[in-house]
């Protein structure tokens, strides 16, 4: 099994910055992708950013240029640096790990952390 523990989040003013961290533990295989998703009230969960173990990234258009995803492979930890935050960034942010086990991708989620951006 895999456990994902998130930290960071909270209340921040518009224009401010915040950093989220997510540490993964358990049966983590060598080929994996880590990422962050978010879900605002009344909306579907959406991708924010993903990063492969090799460092390839992709971002939602709405956060490009403002958010940066990174990871420390030695610590199995992924980070999300969020700058120039907007009220529309308010959501519960979930850490995600996709693990390639033999030929099957298995997906795991963190418990979520609330990010609230006040105007």
C-alpha atoms as a PDB file:
ATOM      1  CA  UNK A   1       0.000   0.000   0.000  1.00  0.00           C
ATOM      2  CA  UNK A   2       0.915   3.647  -0.399  1.00  0.00           C
ATOM      3  CA  UNK A   3       0.279   6.497   2.001  1.00  0.00           C
ATOM      4  CA  UNK A   4       0.339  10.162   1.019  1.00  0.00           C
ATOM      5  CA  UNK A   5       0.634  12.798   3.726  1.00  0.00           C
ATOM      6  CA  UNK A   6       0.056  16.407   2.723  1.00  0.00           C
ATOM      7  CA  UNK A   7       1.112  19.537   4.543  1.00  0.00           C
ATOM      8  CA  UNK A   8       0.764  23.237   3.892  1.00  0.00           C
ATOM      9  CA  UNK A   9      -2.405  24.960   2.905  1.00  0.00           C
ATOM     10  CA  UNK A  10      -4.502  27.400   4.886  1.00  0.00           C
ATOM     11  CA  UNK A  11      -5.664  30.956   4.406  1.00  0.00           C
ATOM     12  CA  UNK A  12      -3.728  33.425   2.262  1.00  0.00           C
ATOM     13  CA  UNK A  13      -4.515  36.804   0.732  1.00  0.00           C
ATOM     14  CA  UNK A  14      -4.819  37.281  -3.000  1.00  0.00           C
ATOM     15  CA  UNK A  15      -1.416  37.860  -4.556  1.00  0.00           C
ATOM     16  CA  UNK A  16       0.288  35.865  -1.852  1.00  0.00           C
ATOM     17  CA  UNK A  17       2.190  32.588  -1.967  1.00  0.00           C
ATOM     18  CA  UNK A  18       1.849  29.196  -0.409  1.00  0.00           C
ATOM     19  CA  UNK A  19       3.724  25.913  -0.604  1.00  0.00           C
ATOM     20  CA  UNK A  20       2.207  22.463  -0.386  1.00  0.00           C
ATOM     21  CA  UNK A  21       4.167  19.302   0.353  1.00  0.00           C
ATOM     22  CA  UNK A  22       3.225  15.664   0.016  1.00  0.00           C
ATOM     23  CA  UNK A  23       5.321  12.786   1.312  1.00  0.00           C
ATOM     24  CA  UNK A  24       4.697   9.317  -0.045  1.00  0.00           C
ATOM     25  CA  UNK A  25       5.538   6.116   1.801  1.00  0.00           C
ATOM     26  CA  UNK A  26       4.925   2.426   1.336  1.00  0.00           C
ATOM     27  CA  UNK A  27       5.294   0.344  -1.811  1.00  0.00           C
ATOM     28  CA  UNK A  28       6.454   2.973  -4.253  1.00  0.00           C
ATOM     29  CA  UNK A  29       7.784   1.576  -7.491  1.00  0.00           C
ATOM     30  CA  UNK A  30      10.465   3.090  -9.654  1.00  0.00           C
ATOM     31  CA  UNK A  31       8.140   4.292 -12.408  1.00  0.00           C
ATOM     32  CA  UNK A  32       5.695   6.761 -10.983  1.00  0.00           C
ATOM     33  CA  UNK A  33       4.125  10.128 -11.474  1.00  0.00           C
ATOM     34  CA  UNK A  34       3.201  12.505  -8.672  1.00  0.00           C
ATOM     35  CA  UNK A  35       0.847  15.396  -8.918  1.00  0.00           C
ATOM     36  CA  UNK A  36      -1.644  17.779  -7.433  1.00  0.00           C
ATOM     37  CA  UNK A  37      -5.338  18.039  -8.160  1.00  0.00           C
ATOM     38  CA  UNK A  38      -7.907  20.392  -6.702  1.00  0.00           C
ATOM     39  CA  UNK A  39     -11.623  20.485  -6.158  1.00  0.00           C
ATOM     40  CA  UNK A  40     -13.585  23.637  -5.526  1.00  0.00           C
ATOM     41  CA  UNK A  41     -17.104  23.554  -4.043  1.00  0.00           C
ATOM     42  CA  UNK A  42     -19.626  22.411  -6.623  1.00  0.00           C
ATOM     43  CA  UNK A  43     -16.948  21.606  -9.177  1.00  0.00           C
ATOM     44  CA  UNK A  44     -15.220  18.472 -10.373  1.00  0.00           C
ATOM     45  CA  UNK A  45     -11.727  17.578  -9.298  1.00  0.00           C
ATOM     46  CA  UNK A  46      -9.211  18.925 -11.790  1.00  0.00           C
ATOM     47  CA  UNK A  47      -5.536  18.514 -12.524  1.00  0.00           C
ATOM     48  CA  UNK A  48      -3.270  21.278 -11.275  1.00  0.00           C
ATOM     49  CA  UNK A  49       0.168  19.867 -12.121  1.00  0.00           C
ATOM     50  CA  UNK A  50       1.977  16.553 -12.563  1.00  0.00           C
ATOM     51  CA  UNK A  51       5.630  15.582 -12.555  1.00  0.00           C
ATOM     52  CA  UNK A  52       7.324  12.361 -13.587  1.00  0.00           C
ATOM     53  CA  UNK A  53      10.235  10.862 -11.749  1.00  0.00           C
ATOM     54  CA  UNK A  54      12.450  12.188 -14.527  1.00  0.00           C
ATOM     55  CA  UNK A  55      11.195  15.714 -13.979  1.00  0.00           C
ATOM     56  CA  UNK A  56       8.811  16.169 -16.895  1.00  0.00           C
ATOM     57  CA  UNK A  57       5.933  18.393 -15.922  1.00  0.00           C
ATOM     58  CA  UNK A  58       2.555  19.487 -17.154  1.00  0.00           C
ATOM     59  CA  UNK A  59       0.273  22.165 -15.759  1.00  0.00           C
ATOM     60  CA  UNK A  60      -3.293  23.292 -16.040  1.00  0.00           C
ATOM     61  CA  UNK A  61      -3.522  26.405 -18.196  1.00  0.00           C
ATOM     62  CA  UNK A  62      -5.029  28.323 -15.286  1.00  0.00           C
ATOM     63  CA  UNK A  63      -1.877  27.961 -13.167  1.00  0.00           C
ATOM     64  CA  UNK A  64       0.885  28.163 -15.759  1.00  0.00           C
ATOM     65  CA  UNK A  65       3.424  30.802 -14.843  1.00  0.00           C
ATOM     66  CA  UNK A  66       2.170  31.008 -11.258  1.00  0.00           C
ATOM     67  CA  UNK A  67       2.565  27.494  -9.840  1.00  0.00           C
ATOM     68  CA  UNK A  68       5.646  25.301  -9.878  1.00  0.00           C
ATOM     69  CA  UNK A  69       5.698  21.590  -9.158  1.00  0.00           C
ATOM     70  CA  UNK A  70       8.877  19.844  -8.065  1.00  0.00           C
ATOM     71  CA  UNK A  71       9.882  16.623  -6.384  1.00  0.00           C
ATOM     72  CA  UNK A  72      12.614  15.100  -4.287  1.00  0.00           C
ATOM     73  CA  UNK A  73      12.936  11.505  -5.429  1.00  0.00           C
ATOM     74  CA  UNK A  74      15.141  10.548  -2.495  1.00  0.00           C
ATOM     75  CA  UNK A  75      12.371  11.598  -0.116  1.00  0.00           C
ATOM     76  CA  UNK A  76       9.450  10.545  -2.335  1.00  0.00           C
ATOM     77  CA  UNK A  77       8.077  14.019  -1.800  1.00  0.00           C
ATOM     78  CA  UNK A  78       6.336  16.362  -4.197  1.00  0.00           C
ATOM     79  CA  UNK A  79       5.941  20.099  -3.730  1.00  0.00           C
ATOM     80  CA  UNK A  80       3.659  22.717  -5.178  1.00  0.00           C
ATOM     81  CA  UNK A  81       4.840  26.296  -4.962  1.00  0.00           C
ATOM     82  CA  UNK A  82       1.893  28.586  -5.557  1.00  0.00           C
ATOM     83  CA  UNK A  83       2.535  32.265  -6.298  1.00  0.00           C
ATOM     84  CA  UNK A  84       0.262  35.129  -7.274  1.00  0.00           C
ATOM     85  CA  UNK A  85      -2.672  33.305  -5.768  1.00  0.00           C
ATOM     86  CA  UNK A  86      -6.171  34.267  -6.833  1.00  0.00           C
ATOM     87  CA  UNK A  87      -9.522  33.742  -5.087  1.00  0.00           C
ATOM     88  CA  UNK A  88     -10.412  31.248  -7.820  1.00  0.00           C
ATOM     89  CA  UNK A  89      -7.528  29.064  -6.612  1.00  0.00           C
ATOM     90  CA  UNK A  90      -9.543  28.365  -3.478  1.00  0.00           C
ATOM     91  CA  UNK A  91     -10.106  24.614  -3.291  1.00  0.00           C
ATOM     92  CA  UNK A  92      -9.171  21.422  -1.534  1.00  0.00           C
ATOM     93  CA  UNK A  93      -5.850  20.315  -2.981  1.00  0.00           C
ATOM     94  CA  UNK A  94      -5.170  16.600  -3.257  1.00  0.00           C
ATOM     95  CA  UNK A  95      -1.843  14.882  -3.700  1.00  0.00           C
ATOM     96  CA  UNK A  96      -1.817  12.059  -6.228  1.00  0.00           C
ATOM     97  CA  UNK A  97       0.582   9.212  -6.973  1.00  0.00           C
ATOM     98  CA  UNK A  98       0.387   6.995 -10.034  1.00  0.00           C
ATOM     99  CA  UNK A  99       2.470   3.873  -9.554  1.00  0.00           C
ATOM    100  CA  UNK A 100       3.335   1.453 -12.350  1.00  0.00           C
ATOM    101  CA  UNK A 101       3.096  -2.037 -10.837  1.00  0.00           C
ATOM    102  CA  UNK A 102       4.230  -4.539 -13.472  1.00  0.00           C
ATOM    103  CA  UNK A 103       1.908  -3.466 -16.311  1.00  0.00           C
ATOM    104  CA  UNK A 104      -0.856  -1.834 -14.270  1.00  0.00           C
ATOM    105  CA  UNK A 105      -1.027   1.783 -13.179  1.00  0.00           C
ATOM    106  CA  UNK A 106      -2.337   2.108  -9.636  1.00  0.00           C
ATOM    107  CA  UNK A 107      -3.488   5.442  -8.282  1.00  0.00           C
ATOM    108  CA  UNK A 108      -3.411   6.771  -4.730  1.00  0.00           C
ATOM    109  CA  UNK A 109      -4.736   9.958  -3.146  1.00  0.00           C
ATOM    110  CA  UNK A 110      -3.925  12.047  -0.127  1.00  0.00           C
ATOM    111  CA  UNK A 111      -6.591  13.219   2.272  1.00  0.00           C
ATOM    112  CA  UNK A 112      -6.624  16.744   0.849  1.00  0.00           C
ATOM    113  CA  UNK A 113      -5.628  20.115   2.247  1.00  0.00           C
ATOM    114  CA  UNK A 114      -7.713  23.269   2.091  1.00  0.00           C
ATOM    115  CA  UNK A 115      -6.313  26.347   0.391  1.00  0.00           C
ATOM    116  CA  UNK A 116      -8.379  29.497   0.793  1.00  0.00           C
ATOM    117  CA  UNK A 117      -7.454  32.703  -1.010  1.00  0.00           C
ATOM    118  CA  UNK A 118      -9.177  35.830   0.257  1.00  0.00           C
ATOM    119  CA  UNK A 119      -9.747  38.848  -1.962  1.00  0.00           C
END
